[in-house]
Amino acid sequence: RNILVKMSHRDKACLAEKLKQIWLQPEDEVLKISLTIIEEYKAKYPEAMRYLEDGLEDSLEFIIFRR
């Protein structure tokens, strides 16, 4: 949620959908798609992408644990 707060309303829905995809990926693809999303949005929303990067390790740990 902190990530989306830092974005324009216009871009929130698109990024929210992409973030959901992180959770649906096979374990070996999670990091790749996460880094792709960060790269795509970091110029326009650096603070939001910093939140994603900072929380990425915890998120990845949860994804691995749930399987």
C-alpha atoms as a PDB file:
ATOM      1  CA  ARG A   1       0.000   0.000   0.000  1.00  0.00           C
ATOM      2  CA  ASN A   2       2.848   2.390   0.721  1.00  0.00           C
ATOM      3  CA  ILE A   3       4.003   1.898  -2.840  1.00  0.00           C
ATOM      4  CA  LEU A   4       0.685   2.967  -4.370  1.00  0.00           C
ATOM      5  CA  VAL A   5       0.339   6.020  -2.112  1.00  0.00           C
ATOM      6  CA  LYS A   6       3.377   7.517  -3.825  1.00  0.00           C
ATOM      7  CA  MET A   7       1.861   7.288  -7.318  1.00  0.00           C
ATOM      8  CA  SER A   8      -0.614   9.210  -9.410  1.00  0.00           C
ATOM      9  CA  HIS A   9      -4.149   7.866  -9.450  1.00  0.00           C
ATOM     10  CA  ARG A  10      -3.846   7.207 -13.184  1.00  0.00           C
ATOM     11  CA  ASP A  11      -0.960   4.756 -12.752  1.00  0.00           C
ATOM     12  CA  LYS A  12      -2.122   2.995  -9.581  1.00  0.00           C
ATOM     13  CA  ALA A  13      -4.389   0.383 -11.176  1.00  0.00           C
ATOM     14  CA  CYS A  14      -1.779  -0.704 -13.703  1.00  0.00           C
ATOM     15  CA  LEU A  15       0.997  -1.026 -11.145  1.00  0.00           C
ATOM     16  CA  ALA A  16      -1.282  -2.750  -8.622  1.00  0.00           C
ATOM     17  CA  GLU A  17      -2.042  -5.404 -11.228  1.00  0.00           C
ATOM     18  CA  LYS A  18       1.658  -5.858 -11.964  1.00  0.00           C
ATOM     19  CA  LEU A  19       2.476  -6.146  -8.272  1.00  0.00           C
ATOM     20  CA  LYS A  20      -0.129  -8.896  -7.913  1.00  0.00           C
ATOM     21  CA  GLN A  21       1.699 -10.804 -10.625  1.00  0.00           C
ATOM     22  CA  ILE A  22       4.751 -11.054  -8.368  1.00  0.00           C
ATOM     23  CA  TRP A  23       2.764 -13.337  -6.050  1.00  0.00           C
ATOM     24  CA  LEU A  24       1.567 -15.529  -8.925  1.00  0.00           C
ATOM     25  CA  GLN A  25       4.936 -16.269 -10.484  1.00  0.00           C
ATOM     26  CA  PRO A  26       6.889 -19.474 -10.038  1.00  0.00           C
ATOM     27  CA  GLU A  27       9.590 -19.051  -7.425  1.00  0.00           C
ATOM     28  CA  ASP A  28      12.384 -18.818  -9.998  1.00  0.00           C
ATOM     29  CA  GLU A  29      10.633 -15.941 -11.828  1.00  0.00           C
ATOM     30  CA  VAL A  30       9.682 -13.760  -8.856  1.00  0.00           C
ATOM     31  CA  LEU A  31      12.909 -11.793  -8.632  1.00  0.00           C
ATOM     32  CA  LYS A  32      13.046 -11.264 -12.390  1.00  0.00           C
ATOM     33  CA  ILE A  33       9.529  -9.822 -12.649  1.00  0.00           C
ATOM     34  CA  SER A  34      10.066  -7.707  -9.521  1.00  0.00           C
ATOM     35  CA  LEU A  35      13.202  -6.146 -10.951  1.00  0.00           C
ATOM     36  CA  THR A  36      11.438  -5.560 -14.273  1.00  0.00           C
ATOM     37  CA  ILE A  37       8.668  -3.638 -12.507  1.00  0.00           C
ATOM     38  CA  ILE A  38      11.193  -1.589 -10.522  1.00  0.00           C
ATOM     39  CA  GLU A  39      13.127  -0.750 -13.668  1.00  0.00           C
ATOM     40  CA  GLU A  40       9.957   0.258 -15.528  1.00  0.00           C
ATOM     41  CA  TYR A  41       8.710   2.669 -12.855  1.00  0.00           C
ATOM     42  CA  LYS A  42      11.811   3.923 -11.034  1.00  0.00           C
ATOM     43  CA  ALA A  43      12.339   7.027 -13.171  1.00  0.00           C
ATOM     44  CA  LYS A  44       8.760   8.242 -12.725  1.00  0.00           C
ATOM     45  CA  TYR A  45       8.186   7.020  -9.147  1.00  0.00           C
ATOM     46  CA  PRO A  46      11.574   6.648  -7.429  1.00  0.00           C
ATOM     47  CA  GLU A  47      10.192   6.743  -3.897  1.00  0.00           C
ATOM     48  CA  ALA A  48       7.538   4.108  -4.618  1.00  0.00           C
ATOM     49  CA  MET A  49      10.116   1.833  -6.207  1.00  0.00           C
ATOM     50  CA  ARG A  50      12.415   2.347  -3.244  1.00  0.00           C
ATOM     51  CA  TYR A  51       9.585   1.029  -1.028  1.00  0.00           C
ATOM     52  CA  LEU A  52       9.233  -1.982  -3.310  1.00  0.00           C
ATOM     53  CA  GLU A  53      12.976  -2.648  -3.256  1.00  0.00           C
ATOM     54  CA  ASP A  54      13.158  -2.259   0.521  1.00  0.00           C
ATOM     55  CA  GLY A  55      10.300  -4.712   1.079  1.00  0.00           C
ATOM     56  CA  LEU A  56      11.209  -7.121  -1.690  1.00  0.00           C
ATOM     57  CA  GLU A  57      13.292  -9.484   0.411  1.00  0.00           C
ATOM     58  CA  ASP A  58      10.497  -9.910   2.973  1.00  0.00           C
ATOM     59  CA  SER A  59       7.962 -10.455   0.202  1.00  0.00           C
ATOM     60  CA  LEU A  60      10.129 -13.040  -1.503  1.00  0.00           C
ATOM     61  CA  GLU A  61      10.605 -14.852   1.796  1.00  0.00           C
ATOM     62  CA  PHE A  62       6.833 -15.085   2.204  1.00  0.00           C
ATOM     63  CA  ILE A  63       6.365 -16.388  -1.344  1.00  0.00           C
ATOM     64  CA  ILE A  64       8.954 -19.106  -0.829  1.00  0.00           C
ATOM     65  CA  PHE A  65       7.485 -20.017   2.582  1.00  0.00           C
ATOM     66  CA  ARG A  66       3.920 -20.414   1.265  1.00  0.00           C
ATOM     67  CA  ARG A  67       4.951 -23.149  -1.180  1.00  0.00           C
END
